Amino acid sequence: MKNIVIITLCVLASTLGVAQDKNKKLNFEVEGKCEMCKMRIEKAALGVSGVKYASWDIPTHQLALIIDERKTDPMKIKTALVAVGHDTKELKATEEAYDKVHPCCKYRDDDTDDSDKHKK
């Protein structure tokens, strides 16, 4: 009986240890317009502990990430993004944060594409 309990606990512990990925890939949409936005978004994402890779695509507005789920989750990353003025589907940046982005990076009421203005 004692061995069955020990084996059950070991199996349960190993299952819980595998439940979170060390290198999970995920994508989500982040609002922005240009190279300056790209640098700001990627820097904010990489500033979150557990984010190993971040790349934001200007035309599609998709942020590709590799994260360690044991250290972070998507909502922490989205919170960091709205803090620097970029909206996601779930969270919106405050007016104060949005007003701090460069004037050419204002994406809320402007449908123009300024991505060529700020190439490296």
PDB file of N, CA and C in Angstrom:
ATOM      1  N   MET A   1       0.825  -1.192   0.000  1.00  0.00           N
ATOM      2  CA  MET A   1       0.000   0.000   0.000  1.00  0.00           C
ATOM      3  C   MET A   1       0.869   1.256   0.000  1.00  0.00           C
ATOM      4  N   LYS A   2       1.917   1.211   0.812  1.00  0.00           N
ATOM      5  CA  LYS A   2       2.818   2.352   0.914  1.00  0.00           C
ATOM      6  C   LYS A   2       3.496   2.615  -0.438  1.00  0.00           C
ATOM      7  N   ASN A   3       3.899   1.554  -1.144  1.00  0.00           N
ATOM      8  CA  ASN A   3       4.539   1.689  -2.454  1.00  0.00           C
ATOM      9  C   ASN A   3       3.590   2.279  -3.484  1.00  0.00           C
ATOM     10  N   ILE A   4       2.332   1.905  -3.437  1.00  0.00           N
ATOM     11  CA  ILE A   4       1.341   2.437  -4.381  1.00  0.00           C
ATOM     12  C   ILE A   4       1.177   3.942  -4.191  1.00  0.00           C
ATOM     13  N   VAL A   5       1.136   4.386  -2.947  1.00  0.00           N
ATOM     14  CA  VAL A   5       1.009   5.813  -2.652  1.00  0.00           C
ATOM     15  C   VAL A   5       2.243   6.564  -3.157  1.00  0.00           C
ATOM     16  N   ILE A   6       3.416   6.020  -2.928  1.00  0.00           N
ATOM     17  CA  ILE A   6       4.653   6.660  -3.372  1.00  0.00           C
ATOM     18  C   ILE A   6       4.708   6.728  -4.891  1.00  0.00           C
ATOM     19  N   ILE A   7       4.350   5.654  -5.562  1.00  0.00           N
ATOM     20  CA  ILE A   7       4.355   5.624  -7.032  1.00  0.00           C
ATOM     21  C   ILE A   7       3.337   6.629  -7.584  1.00  0.00           C
ATOM     22  N   THR A   8       2.167   6.672  -6.971  1.00  0.00           N
ATOM     23  CA  THR A   8       1.134   7.616  -7.412  1.00  0.00           C
ATOM     24  C   THR A   8       1.611   9.054  -7.257  1.00  0.00           C
ATOM     25  N   LEU A   9       2.258   9.365  -6.158  1.00  0.00           N
ATOM     26  CA  LEU A   9       2.780  10.715  -5.939  1.00  0.00           C
ATOM     27  C   LEU A   9       3.870  11.061  -6.950  1.00  0.00           C
ATOM     28  N   CYS A  10       4.728  10.106  -7.265  1.00  0.00           N
ATOM     29  CA  CYS A  10       5.792  10.338  -8.257  1.00  0.00           C
ATOM     30  C   CYS A  10       5.208  10.600  -9.637  1.00  0.00           C
ATOM     31  N   VAL A  11       4.210   9.826 -10.022  1.00  0.00           N
ATOM     32  CA  VAL A  11       3.574  10.014 -11.323  1.00  0.00           C
ATOM     33  C   VAL A  11       2.879  11.372 -11.371  1.00  0.00           C
ATOM     34  N   LEU A  12       2.197  11.722 -10.317  1.00  0.00           N
ATOM     35  CA  LEU A  12       1.510  13.002 -10.245  1.00  0.00           C
ATOM     36  C   LEU A  12       2.494  14.170 -10.314  1.00  0.00           C
ATOM     37  N   ALA A  13       3.586  14.075  -9.609  1.00  0.00           N
ATOM     38  CA  ALA A  13       4.603  15.133  -9.610  1.00  0.00           C
ATOM     39  C   ALA A  13       5.245  15.280 -10.986  1.00  0.00           C
ATOM     40  N   SER A  14       5.505  14.170 -11.660  1.00  0.00           N
ATOM     41  CA  SER A  14       6.116  14.259 -12.987  1.00  0.00           C
ATOM     42  C   SER A  14       5.136  14.833 -13.996  1.00  0.00           C
ATOM     43  N   THR A  15       3.850  14.553 -13.847  1.00  0.00           N
ATOM     44  CA  THR A  15       2.841  15.109 -14.744  1.00  0.00           C
ATOM     45  C   THR A  15       2.755  16.626 -14.567  1.00  0.00           C
ATOM     46  N   LEU A  16       2.782  17.103 -13.363  1.00  0.00           N
ATOM     47  CA  LEU A  16       2.721  18.536 -13.106  1.00  0.00           C
ATOM     48  C   LEU A  16       3.964  19.253 -13.624  1.00  0.00           C
ATOM     49  N   GLY A  17       5.085  18.609 -13.567  1.00  0.00           N
ATOM     50  CA  GLY A  17       6.334  19.205 -14.042  1.00  0.00           C
ATOM     51  C   GLY A  17       6.370  19.376 -15.541  1.00  0.00           C
ATOM     52  N   VAL A  18       5.638  18.578 -16.279  1.00  0.00           N
ATOM     53  CA  VAL A  18       5.624  18.646 -17.732  1.00  0.00           C
ATOM     54  C   VAL A  18       4.487  19.546 -18.229  1.00  0.00           C
ATOM     55  N   ALA A  19       3.614  19.967 -17.370  1.00  0.00           N
ATOM     56  CA  ALA A  19       2.427  20.721 -17.778  1.00  0.00           C
ATOM     57  C   ALA A  19       2.770  22.078 -18.376  1.00  0.00           C
ATOM     58  N   GLN A  20       3.873  22.678 -18.018  1.00  0.00           N
ATOM     59  CA  GLN A  20       4.253  23.975 -18.552  1.00  0.00           C
ATOM     60  C   GLN A  20       5.479  23.827 -19.428  1.00  0.00           C
ATOM     61  N   ASP A  21       5.431  24.484 -20.581  1.00  0.00           N
ATOM     62  CA  ASP A  21       6.520  24.391 -21.540  1.00  0.00           C
ATOM     63  C   ASP A  21       7.646  25.349 -21.202  1.00  0.00           C
ATOM     64  N   LYS A  22       8.868  24.877 -21.414  1.00  0.00           N
ATOM     65  CA  LYS A  22      10.037  25.717 -21.220  1.00  0.00           C
ATOM     66  C   LYS A  22      10.223  26.643 -22.416  1.00  0.00           C
ATOM     67  N   ASN A  23       9.850  26.191 -23.596  1.00  0.00           N
ATOM     68  CA  ASN A  23       9.975  26.984 -24.814  1.00  0.00           C
ATOM     69  C   ASN A  23       8.665  26.953 -25.589  1.00  0.00           C
ATOM     70  N   LYS A  24       7.690  27.693 -25.121  1.00  0.00           N
ATOM     71  CA  LYS A  24       6.392  27.731 -25.786  1.00  0.00           C
ATOM     72  C   LYS A  24       6.369  28.861 -26.809  1.00  0.00           C
ATOM     73  N   LYS A  25       5.893  28.554 -28.008  1.00  0.00           N
ATOM     74  CA  LYS A  25       5.754  29.562 -29.058  1.00  0.00           C
ATOM     75  C   LYS A  25       4.327  30.084 -29.034  1.00  0.00           C
ATOM     76  N   LEU A  26       4.177  31.389 -29.184  1.00  0.00           N
ATOM     77  CA  LEU A  26       2.851  31.964 -29.286  1.00  0.00           C
ATOM     78  C   LEU A  26       2.900  33.234 -30.122  1.00  0.00           C
ATOM     79  N   ASN A  27       1.765  33.601 -30.665  1.00  0.00           N
ATOM     80  CA  ASN A  27       1.617  34.807 -31.479  1.00  0.00           C
ATOM     81  C   ASN A  27       0.364  35.533 -31.047  1.00  0.00           C
ATOM     82  N   PHE A  28       0.415  36.854 -31.074  1.00  0.00           N
ATOM     83  CA  PHE A  28      -0.793  37.646 -30.910  1.00  0.00           C
ATOM     84  C   PHE A  28      -0.593  39.006 -31.552  1.00  0.00           C
ATOM     85  N   GLU A  29      -1.708  39.688 -31.782  1.00  0.00           N
ATOM     86  CA  GLU A  29      -1.686  40.965 -32.479  1.00  0.00           C
ATOM     87  C   GLU A  29      -1.390  42.106 -31.518  1.00  0.00           C
ATOM     88  N   VAL A  30      -0.520  43.018 -31.981  1.00  0.00           N
ATOM     89  CA  VAL A  30      -0.177  44.219 -31.222  1.00  0.00           C
ATOM     90  C   VAL A  30      -0.249  45.388 -32.199  1.00  0.00           C
ATOM     91  N   GLU A  31      -0.941  46.445 -31.819  1.00  0.00           N
ATOM     92  CA  GLU A  31      -1.101  47.601 -32.702  1.00  0.00           C
ATOM     93  C   GLU A  31       0.178  48.429 -32.767  1.00  0.00           C
ATOM     94  N   GLY A  32       0.477  48.925 -33.961  1.00  0.00           N
ATOM     95  CA  GLY A  32       1.646  49.751 -34.210  1.00  0.00           C
ATOM     96  C   GLY A  32       1.749  50.035 -35.694  1.00  0.00           C
ATOM     97  N   LYS A  33       2.791  50.806 -36.103  1.00  0.00           N
ATOM     98  CA  LYS A  33       2.867  51.200 -37.500  1.00  0.00           C
ATOM     99  C   LYS A  33       4.239  51.090 -38.157  1.00  0.00           C
ATOM    100  N   CYS A  34       5.315  51.292 -37.426  1.00  0.00           N
ATOM    101  CA  CYS A  34       6.597  51.497 -38.096  1.00  0.00           C
ATOM    102  C   CYS A  34       7.757  50.809 -37.365  1.00  0.00           C
ATOM    103  N   GLU A  35       8.968  51.083 -37.841  1.00  0.00           N
ATOM    104  CA  GLU A  35      10.176  50.513 -37.230  1.00  0.00           C
ATOM    105  C   GLU A  35      10.348  50.964 -35.781  1.00  0.00           C
ATOM    106  N   MET A  36       9.981  52.202 -35.489  1.00  0.00           N
ATOM    107  CA  MET A  36      10.081  52.674 -34.103  1.00  0.00           C
ATOM    108  C   MET A  36       9.139  51.874 -33.207  1.00  0.00           C
ATOM    109  N   CYS A  37       7.941  51.596 -33.722  1.00  0.00           N
ATOM    110  CA  CYS A  37       6.993  50.765 -32.969  1.00  0.00           C
ATOM    111  C   CYS A  37       7.580  49.376 -32.768  1.00  0.00           C
ATOM    112  N   LYS A  38       8.151  48.815 -33.819  1.00  0.00           N
ATOM    113  CA  LYS A  38       8.751  47.476 -33.766  1.00  0.00           C
ATOM    114  C   LYS A  38       9.795  47.395 -32.660  1.00  0.00           C
ATOM    115  N   MET A  39      10.682  48.377 -32.621  1.00  0.00           N
ATOM    116  CA  MET A  39      11.734  48.370 -31.598  1.00  0.00           C
ATOM    117  C   MET A  39      11.134  48.503 -30.204  1.00  0.00           C
ATOM    118  N   ARG A  40      10.130  49.364 -30.041  1.00  0.00           N
ATOM    119  CA  ARG A  40       9.505  49.586 -28.736  1.00  0.00           C
ATOM    120  C   ARG A  40       8.762  48.327 -28.266  1.00  0.00           C
ATOM    121  N   ILE A  41       8.020  47.698 -29.172  1.00  0.00           N
ATOM    122  CA  ILE A  41       7.243  46.501 -28.837  1.00  0.00           C
ATOM    123  C   ILE A  41       8.170  45.348 -28.457  1.00  0.00           C
ATOM    124  N   GLU A  42       9.194  45.111 -29.279  1.00  0.00           N
ATOM    125  CA  GLU A  42      10.119  44.014 -28.998  1.00  0.00           C
ATOM    126  C   GLU A  42      10.890  44.246 -27.704  1.00  0.00           C
ATOM    127  N   LYS A  43      11.303  45.473 -27.465  1.00  0.00           N
ATOM    128  CA  LYS A  43      12.035  45.786 -26.226  1.00  0.00           C
ATOM    129  C   LYS A  43      11.143  45.553 -25.002  1.00  0.00           C
ATOM    130  N   ALA A  44       9.885  45.982 -25.088  1.00  0.00           N
ATOM    131  CA  ALA A  44       8.957  45.796 -23.964  1.00  0.00           C
ATOM    132  C   ALA A  44       8.718  44.309 -23.705  1.00  0.00           C
ATOM    133  N   ALA A  45       8.542  43.538 -24.769  1.00  0.00           N
ATOM    134  CA  ALA A  45       8.300  42.101 -24.603  1.00  0.00           C
ATOM    135  C   ALA A  45       9.523  41.408 -24.015  1.00  0.00           C
ATOM    136  N   LEU A  46      10.695  41.727 -24.548  1.00  0.00           N
ATOM    137  CA  LEU A  46      11.921  41.095 -24.053  1.00  0.00           C
ATOM    138  C   LEU A  46      12.264  41.522 -22.622  1.00  0.00           C
ATOM    139  N   GLY A  47      11.693  42.629 -22.174  1.00  0.00           N
ATOM    140  CA  GLY A  47      11.913  43.092 -20.809  1.00  0.00           C
ATOM    141  C   GLY A  47      11.152  42.295 -19.767  1.00  0.00           C
ATOM    142  N   VAL A  48      10.241  41.452 -20.211  1.00  0.00           N
ATOM    143  CA  VAL A  48       9.473  40.604 -19.293  1.00  0.00           C
ATOM    144  C   VAL A  48      10.276  39.332 -19.026  1.00  0.00           C
ATOM    145  N   SER A  49      10.476  39.027 -17.768  1.00  0.00           N
ATOM    146  CA  SER A  49      11.215  37.824 -17.391  1.00  0.00           C
ATOM    147  C   SER A  49      10.523  36.590 -17.960  1.00  0.00           C
ATOM    148  N   GLY A  50      11.292  35.740 -18.632  1.00  0.00           N
ATOM    149  CA  GLY A  50      10.744  34.527 -19.213  1.00  0.00           C
ATOM    150  C   GLY A  50      10.534  34.617 -20.714  1.00  0.00           C
ATOM    151  N   VAL A  51      10.638  35.820 -21.283  1.00  0.00           N
ATOM    152  CA  VAL A  51      10.522  35.967 -22.734  1.00  0.00           C
ATOM    153  C   VAL A  51      11.907  35.768 -23.323  1.00  0.00           C
ATOM    154  N   LYS A  52      12.022  34.776 -24.203  1.00  0.00           N
ATOM    155  CA  LYS A  52      13.317  34.428 -24.782  1.00  0.00           C
ATOM    156  C   LYS A  52      13.507  35.022 -26.169  1.00  0.00           C
ATOM    157  N   TYR A  53      12.410  35.247 -26.889  1.00  0.00           N
ATOM    158  CA  TYR A  53      12.481  35.748 -28.263  1.00  0.00           C
ATOM    159  C   TYR A  53      11.224  36.556 -28.536  1.00  0.00           C
ATOM    160  N   ALA A  54      11.393  37.682 -29.222  1.00  0.00           N
ATOM    161  CA  ALA A  54      10.248  38.508 -29.614  1.00  0.00           C
ATOM    162  C   ALA A  54      10.539  39.141 -30.962  1.00  0.00           C
ATOM    163  N   SER A  55       9.595  39.007 -31.885  1.00  0.00           N
ATOM    164  CA  SER A  55       9.723  39.631 -33.195  1.00  0.00           C
ATOM    165  C   SER A  55       8.346  40.091 -33.644  1.00  0.00           C
ATOM    166  N   TRP A  56       8.218  41.408 -33.885  1.00  0.00           N
ATOM    167  CA  TRP A  56       6.949  41.984 -34.313  1.00  0.00           C
ATOM    168  C   TRP A  56       7.005  42.267 -35.803  1.00  0.00           C
ATOM    169  N   ASP A  57       6.001  41.816 -36.541  1.00  0.00           N
ATOM    170  CA  ASP A  57       5.926  42.003 -37.984  1.00  0.00           C
ATOM    171  C   ASP A  57       5.056  43.223 -38.288  1.00  0.00           C
ATOM    172  N   ILE A  58       5.623  44.214 -38.967  1.00  0.00           N
ATOM    173  CA  ILE A  58       4.925  45.469 -39.227  1.00  0.00           C
ATOM    174  C   ILE A  58       3.644  45.270 -40.054  1.00  0.00           C
ATOM    175  N   PRO A  59       3.696  44.604 -41.211  1.00  0.00           N
ATOM    176  CA  PRO A  59       2.475  44.503 -42.028  1.00  0.00           C
ATOM    177  C   PRO A  59       1.328  43.732 -41.362  1.00  0.00           C
ATOM    178  N   THR A  60       1.642  42.667 -40.649  1.00  0.00           N
ATOM    179  CA  THR A  60       0.577  41.843 -40.060  1.00  0.00           C
ATOM    180  C   THR A  60       0.251  42.200 -38.616  1.00  0.00           C
ATOM    181  N   HIS A  61       1.103  42.981 -37.978  1.00  0.00           N
ATOM    182  CA  HIS A  61       0.962  43.374 -36.567  1.00  0.00           C
ATOM    183  C   HIS A  61       1.040  42.182 -35.617  1.00  0.00           C
ATOM    184  N   GLN A  62       1.634  41.085 -36.062  1.00  0.00           N
ATOM    185  CA  GLN A  62       1.749  39.881 -35.240  1.00  0.00           C
ATOM    186  C   GLN A  62       3.064  39.875 -34.468  1.00  0.00           C
ATOM    187  N   LEU A  63       2.966  39.643 -33.176  1.00  0.00           N
ATOM    188  CA  LEU A  63       4.135  39.508 -32.323  1.00  0.00           C
ATOM    189  C   LEU A  63       4.379  38.023 -32.107  1.00  0.00           C
ATOM    190  N   ALA A  64       5.516  37.532 -32.578  1.00  0.00           N
ATOM    191  CA  ALA A  64       5.905  36.131 -32.390  1.00  0.00           C
ATOM    192  C   ALA A  64       6.816  36.051 -31.180  1.00  0.00           C
ATOM    193  N   LEU A  65       6.510  35.131 -30.283  1.00  0.00           N
ATOM    194  CA  LEU A  65       7.251  35.011 -29.026  1.00  0.00           C
ATOM    195  C   LEU A  65       7.656  33.568 -28.760  1.00  0.00           C
ATOM    196  N   ILE A  66       8.748  33.417 -28.039  1.00  0.00           N
ATOM    197  CA  ILE A  66       9.100  32.151 -27.406  1.00  0.00           C
ATOM    198  C   ILE A  66       9.258  32.492 -25.931  1.00  0.00           C
ATOM    199  N   ILE A  67       8.478  31.803 -25.104  1.00  0.00           N
ATOM    200  CA  ILE A  67       8.479  32.118 -23.674  1.00  0.00           C
ATOM    201  C   ILE A  67       8.685  30.856 -22.847  1.00  0.00           C
ATOM    202  N   ASP A  68       9.132  31.073 -21.632  1.00  0.00           N
ATOM    203  CA  ASP A  68       9.216  30.024 -20.628  1.00  0.00           C
ATOM    204  C   ASP A  68       7.973  30.190 -19.758  1.00  0.00           C
ATOM    205  N   GLU A  69       7.010  29.299 -19.927  1.00  0.00           N
ATOM    206  CA  GLU A  69       5.745  29.408 -19.188  1.00  0.00           C
ATOM    207  C   GLU A  69       5.912  29.288 -17.681  1.00  0.00           C
ATOM    208  N   ARG A  70       7.034  28.773 -17.253  1.00  0.00           N
ATOM    209  CA  ARG A  70       7.269  28.673 -15.815  1.00  0.00           C
ATOM    210  C   ARG A  70       7.578  30.033 -15.213  1.00  0.00           C
ATOM    211  N   LYS A  71       7.964  31.003 -16.065  1.00  0.00           N
ATOM    212  CA  LYS A  71       8.356  32.323 -15.574  1.00  0.00           C
ATOM    213  C   LYS A  71       7.390  33.436 -15.957  1.00  0.00           C
ATOM    214  N   THR A  72       6.600  33.233 -16.996  1.00  0.00           N
ATOM    215  CA  THR A  72       5.707  34.301 -17.440  1.00  0.00           C
ATOM    216  C   THR A  72       4.471  33.726 -18.112  1.00  0.00           C
ATOM    217  N   ASP A  73       3.562  34.602 -18.463  1.00  0.00           N
ATOM    218  CA  ASP A  73       2.366  34.210 -19.200  1.00  0.00           C
ATOM    219  C   ASP A  73       1.999  35.346 -20.158  1.00  0.00           C
ATOM    220  N   PRO A  74       1.153  35.085 -21.144  1.00  0.00           N
ATOM    221  CA  PRO A  74       0.828  36.115 -22.142  1.00  0.00           C
ATOM    222  C   PRO A  74       0.286  37.418 -21.559  1.00  0.00           C
ATOM    223  N   MET A  75      -0.469  37.348 -20.485  1.00  0.00           N
ATOM    224  CA  MET A  75      -1.046  38.564 -19.916  1.00  0.00           C
ATOM    225  C   MET A  75       0.032  39.490 -19.337  1.00  0.00           C
ATOM    226  N   LYS A  76       1.095  38.947 -18.782  1.00  0.00           N
ATOM    227  CA  LYS A  76       2.193  39.781 -18.277  1.00  0.00           C
ATOM    228  C   LYS A  76       2.866  40.514 -19.433  1.00  0.00           C
ATOM    229  N   ILE A  77       3.003  39.840 -20.562  1.00  0.00           N
ATOM    230  CA  ILE A  77       3.624  40.461 -21.732  1.00  0.00           C
ATOM    231  C   ILE A  77       2.710  41.554 -22.282  1.00  0.00           C
ATOM    232  N   LYS A  78       1.430  41.272 -22.369  1.00  0.00           N
ATOM    233  CA  LYS A  78       0.473  42.267 -22.866  1.00  0.00           C
ATOM    234  C   LYS A  78       0.416  43.483 -21.950  1.00  0.00           C
ATOM    235  N   THR A  79       0.566  43.268 -20.657  1.00  0.00           N
ATOM    236  CA  THR A  79       0.601  44.386 -19.708  1.00  0.00           C
ATOM    237  C   THR A  79       1.824  45.269 -19.960  1.00  0.00           C
ATOM    238  N   ALA A  80       2.961  44.649 -20.257  1.00  0.00           N
ATOM    239  CA  ALA A  80       4.174  45.422 -20.568  1.00  0.00           C
ATOM    240  C   ALA A  80       4.004  46.201 -21.874  1.00  0.00           C
ATOM    241  N   LEU A  81       3.312  45.627 -22.834  1.00  0.00           N
ATOM    242  CA  LEU A  81       3.103  46.299 -24.121  1.00  0.00           C
ATOM    243  C   LEU A  81       2.187  47.508 -23.987  1.00  0.00           C
ATOM    244  N   VAL A  82       1.111  47.381 -23.233  1.00  0.00           N
ATOM    245  CA  VAL A  82       0.218  48.531 -23.072  1.00  0.00           C
ATOM    246  C   VAL A  82       0.882  49.626 -22.240  1.00  0.00           C
ATOM    247  N   ALA A  83       1.824  49.248 -21.392  1.00  0.00           N
ATOM    248  CA  ALA A  83       2.539  50.252 -20.589  1.00  0.00           C
ATOM    249  C   ALA A  83       3.397  51.162 -21.461  1.00  0.00           C
ATOM    250  N   VAL A  84       3.823  50.662 -22.637  1.00  0.00           N
ATOM    251  CA  VAL A  84       4.624  51.501 -23.545  1.00  0.00           C
ATOM    252  C   VAL A  84       3.772  52.088 -24.673  1.00  0.00           C
ATOM    253  N   GLY A  85       2.438  51.923 -24.582  1.00  0.00           N
ATOM    254  CA  GLY A  85       1.541  52.600 -25.507  1.00  0.00           C
ATOM    255  C   GLY A  85       0.995  51.795 -26.658  1.00  0.00           C
ATOM    256  N   HIS A  86       1.071  50.464 -26.619  1.00  0.00           N
ATOM    257  CA  HIS A  86       0.594  49.643 -27.732  1.00  0.00           C
ATOM    258  C   HIS A  86      -0.549  48.733 -27.297  1.00  0.00           C
ATOM    259  N   ASP A  87      -1.671  48.830 -28.008  1.00  0.00           N
ATOM    260  CA  ASP A  87      -2.867  48.047 -27.701  1.00  0.00           C
ATOM    261  C   ASP A  87      -2.726  46.600 -28.152  1.00  0.00           C
ATOM    262  N   THR A  88      -3.403  45.718 -27.428  1.00  0.00           N
ATOM    263  CA  THR A  88      -3.583  44.333 -27.844  1.00  0.00           C
ATOM    264  C   THR A  88      -5.093  44.101 -27.893  1.00  0.00           C
ATOM    265  N   LYS A  89      -5.510  42.937 -28.311  1.00  0.00           N
ATOM    266  CA  LYS A  89      -6.955  42.660 -28.376  1.00  0.00           C
ATOM    267  C   LYS A  89      -7.595  42.673 -26.983  1.00  0.00           C
ATOM    268  N   GLU A  90      -6.863  42.199 -25.977  1.00  0.00           N
ATOM    269  CA  GLU A  90      -7.417  42.098 -24.633  1.00  0.00           C
ATOM    270  C   GLU A  90      -7.224  43.355 -23.801  1.00  0.00           C
ATOM    271  N   LEU A  91      -6.121  44.057 -24.011  1.00  0.00           N
ATOM    272  CA  LEU A  91      -5.802  45.227 -23.192  1.00  0.00           C
ATOM    273  C   LEU A  91      -5.556  46.445 -24.068  1.00  0.00           C
ATOM    274  N   LYS A  92      -5.967  47.592 -23.591  1.00  0.00           N
ATOM    275  CA  LYS A  92      -5.739  48.858 -24.300  1.00  0.00           C
ATOM    276  C   LYS A  92      -4.812  49.734 -23.455  1.00  0.00           C
ATOM    277  N   ALA A  93      -3.903  50.411 -24.142  1.00  0.00           N
ATOM    278  CA  ALA A  93      -2.990  51.325 -23.457  1.00  0.00           C
ATOM    279  C   ALA A  93      -3.773  52.518 -22.918  1.00  0.00           C
ATOM    280  N   THR A  94      -3.332  53.040 -21.802  1.00  0.00           N
ATOM    281  CA  THR A  94      -3.959  54.241 -21.269  1.00  0.00           C
ATOM    282  C   THR A  94      -3.659  55.411 -22.207  1.00  0.00           C
ATOM    283  N   GLU A  95      -4.462  56.443 -22.134  1.00  0.00           N
ATOM    284  CA  GLU A  95      -4.221  57.635 -22.958  1.00  0.00           C
ATOM    285  C   GLU A  95      -2.853  58.232 -22.650  1.00  0.00           C
ATOM    286  N   GLU A  96      -2.477  58.198 -21.373  1.00  0.00           N
ATOM    287  CA  GLU A  96      -1.174  58.728 -20.969  1.00  0.00           C
ATOM    288  C   GLU A  96      -0.031  57.963 -21.638  1.00  0.00           C
ATOM    289  N   ALA A  97      -0.110  56.640 -21.632  1.00  0.00           N
ATOM    290  CA  ALA A  97       0.934  55.820 -22.269  1.00  0.00           C
ATOM    291  C   ALA A  97       0.913  56.017 -23.778  1.00  0.00           C
ATOM    292  N   TYR A  98      -0.276  56.055 -24.371  1.00  0.00           N
ATOM    293  CA  TYR A  98      -0.401  56.226 -25.814  1.00  0.00           C
ATOM    294  C   TYR A  98       0.131  57.591 -26.262  1.00  0.00           C
ATOM    295  N   ASP A  99      -0.111  58.610 -25.472  1.00  0.00           N
ATOM    296  CA  ASP A  99       0.357  59.961 -25.816  1.00  0.00           C
ATOM    297  C   ASP A  99       1.881  60.073 -25.795  1.00  0.00           C
ATOM    298  N   LYS A 100       2.564  59.157 -25.129  1.00  0.00           N
ATOM    299  CA  LYS A 100       4.033  59.203 -25.058  1.00  0.00           C
ATOM    300  C   LYS A 100       4.711  58.635 -26.296  1.00  0.00           C
ATOM    301  N   VAL A 101       3.988  57.885 -27.142  1.00  0.00           N
ATOM    302  CA  VAL A 101       4.615  57.353 -28.348  1.00  0.00           C
ATOM    303  C   VAL A 101       4.835  58.491 -29.339  1.00  0.00           C
ATOM    304  N   HIS A 102       5.799  58.318 -30.205  1.00  0.00           N
ATOM    305  CA  HIS A 102       6.141  59.323 -31.210  1.00  0.00           C
ATOM    306  C   HIS A 102       4.909  59.639 -32.059  1.00  0.00           C
ATOM    307  N   PRO A 103       4.738  60.891 -32.495  1.00  0.00           N
ATOM    308  CA  PRO A 103       3.551  61.257 -33.288  1.00  0.00           C
ATOM    309  C   PRO A 103       3.326  60.390 -34.537  1.00  0.00           C
ATOM    310  N   CYS A 104       4.388  59.948 -35.177  1.00  0.00           N
ATOM    311  CA  CYS A 104       4.193  59.113 -36.378  1.00  0.00           C
ATOM    312  C   CYS A 104       3.716  57.713 -36.010  1.00  0.00           C
ATOM    313  N   CYS A 105       3.830  57.346 -34.752  1.00  0.00           N
ATOM    314  CA  CYS A 105       3.449  56.002 -34.311  1.00  0.00           C
ATOM    315  C   CYS A 105       1.992  55.926 -33.851  1.00  0.00           C
ATOM    316  N   LYS A 106       1.280  57.022 -33.928  1.00  0.00           N
ATOM    317  CA  LYS A 106      -0.126  57.043 -33.499  1.00  0.00           C
ATOM    318  C   LYS A 106      -0.948  56.194 -34.467  1.00  0.00           C
ATOM    319  N   TYR A 107      -1.489  55.117 -33.992  1.00  0.00           N
ATOM    320  CA  TYR A 107      -2.175  54.151 -34.847  1.00  0.00           C
ATOM    321  C   TYR A 107      -3.677  54.113 -34.641  1.00  0.00           C
ATOM    322  N   ARG A 108      -4.193  54.695 -33.613  1.00  0.00           N
ATOM    323  CA  ARG A 108      -5.612  54.547 -33.293  1.00  0.00           C
ATOM    324  C   ARG A 108      -6.550  55.204 -34.304  1.00  0.00           C
ATOM    325  N   ASP A 109      -6.274  56.430 -34.703  1.00  0.00           N
ATOM    326  CA  ASP A 109      -7.180  57.139 -35.607  1.00  0.00           C
ATOM    327  C   ASP A 109      -6.593  57.361 -36.983  1.00  0.00           C
ATOM    328  N   ASP A 110      -5.491  56.697 -37.288  1.00  0.00           N
ATOM    329  CA  ASP A 110      -4.783  56.945 -38.534  1.00  0.00           C
ATOM    330  C   ASP A 110      -4.533  55.630 -39.245  1.00  0.00           C
ATOM    331  N   ASP A 111      -4.997  55.535 -40.493  1.00  0.00           N
ATOM    332  CA  ASP A 111      -4.816  54.306 -41.262  1.00  0.00           C
ATOM    333  C   ASP A 111      -3.646  54.379 -42.223  1.00  0.00           C
ATOM    334  N   THR A 112      -2.821  55.425 -42.153  1.00  0.00           N
ATOM    335  CA  THR A 112      -1.706  55.533 -43.066  1.00  0.00           C
ATOM    336  C   THR A 112      -0.576  54.599 -42.648  1.00  0.00           C
ATOM    337  N   ASP A 113       0.246  54.247 -43.586  1.00  0.00           N
ATOM    338  CA  ASP A 113       1.383  53.358 -43.327  1.00  0.00           C
ATOM    339  C   ASP A 113       2.655  54.197 -43.355  1.00  0.00           C
ATOM    340  N   ASP A 114       3.244  54.434 -42.202  1.00  0.00           N
ATOM    341  CA  ASP A 114       4.464  55.234 -42.096  1.00  0.00           C
ATOM    342  C   ASP A 114       5.693  54.359 -41.946  1.00  0.00           C
ATOM    343  N   SER A 115       5.598  53.090 -42.256  1.00  0.00           N
ATOM    344  CA  SER A 115       6.702  52.168 -42.001  1.00  0.00           C
ATOM    345  C   SER A 115       7.964  52.523 -42.773  1.00  0.00           C
ATOM    346  N   ASP A 116       7.855  53.186 -43.923  1.00  0.00           N
ATOM    347  CA  ASP A 116       9.033  53.554 -44.709  1.00  0.00           C
ATOM    348  C   ASP A 116       9.770  54.752 -44.105  1.00  0.00           C
ATOM    349  N   LYS A 117       9.116  55.518 -43.269  1.00  0.00           N
ATOM    350  CA  LYS A 117       9.738  56.724 -42.715  1.00  0.00           C
ATOM    351  C   LYS A 117      10.812  56.438 -41.677  1.00  0.00           C
ATOM    352  N   HIS A 118      10.767  55.273 -41.062  1.00  0.00           N
ATOM    353  CA  HIS A 118      11.645  55.011 -39.913  1.00  0.00           C
ATOM    354  C   HIS A 118      12.464  53.754 -40.073  1.00  0.00           C
ATOM    355  N   LYS A 119      12.832  53.414 -41.262  1.00  0.00           N
ATOM    356  CA  LYS A 119      13.681  52.227 -41.476  1.00  0.00           C
ATOM    357  C   LYS A 119      15.066  52.505 -40.946  1.00  0.00           C
ATOM    358  N   LYS A 120      15.707  51.461 -40.466  1.00  0.00           N
ATOM    359  CA  LYS A 120      17.052  51.593 -39.906  1.00  0.00           C
ATOM    360  C   LYS A 120      18.047  51.894 -41.004  1.00  0.00           C
TER     361      LYS A 120
END
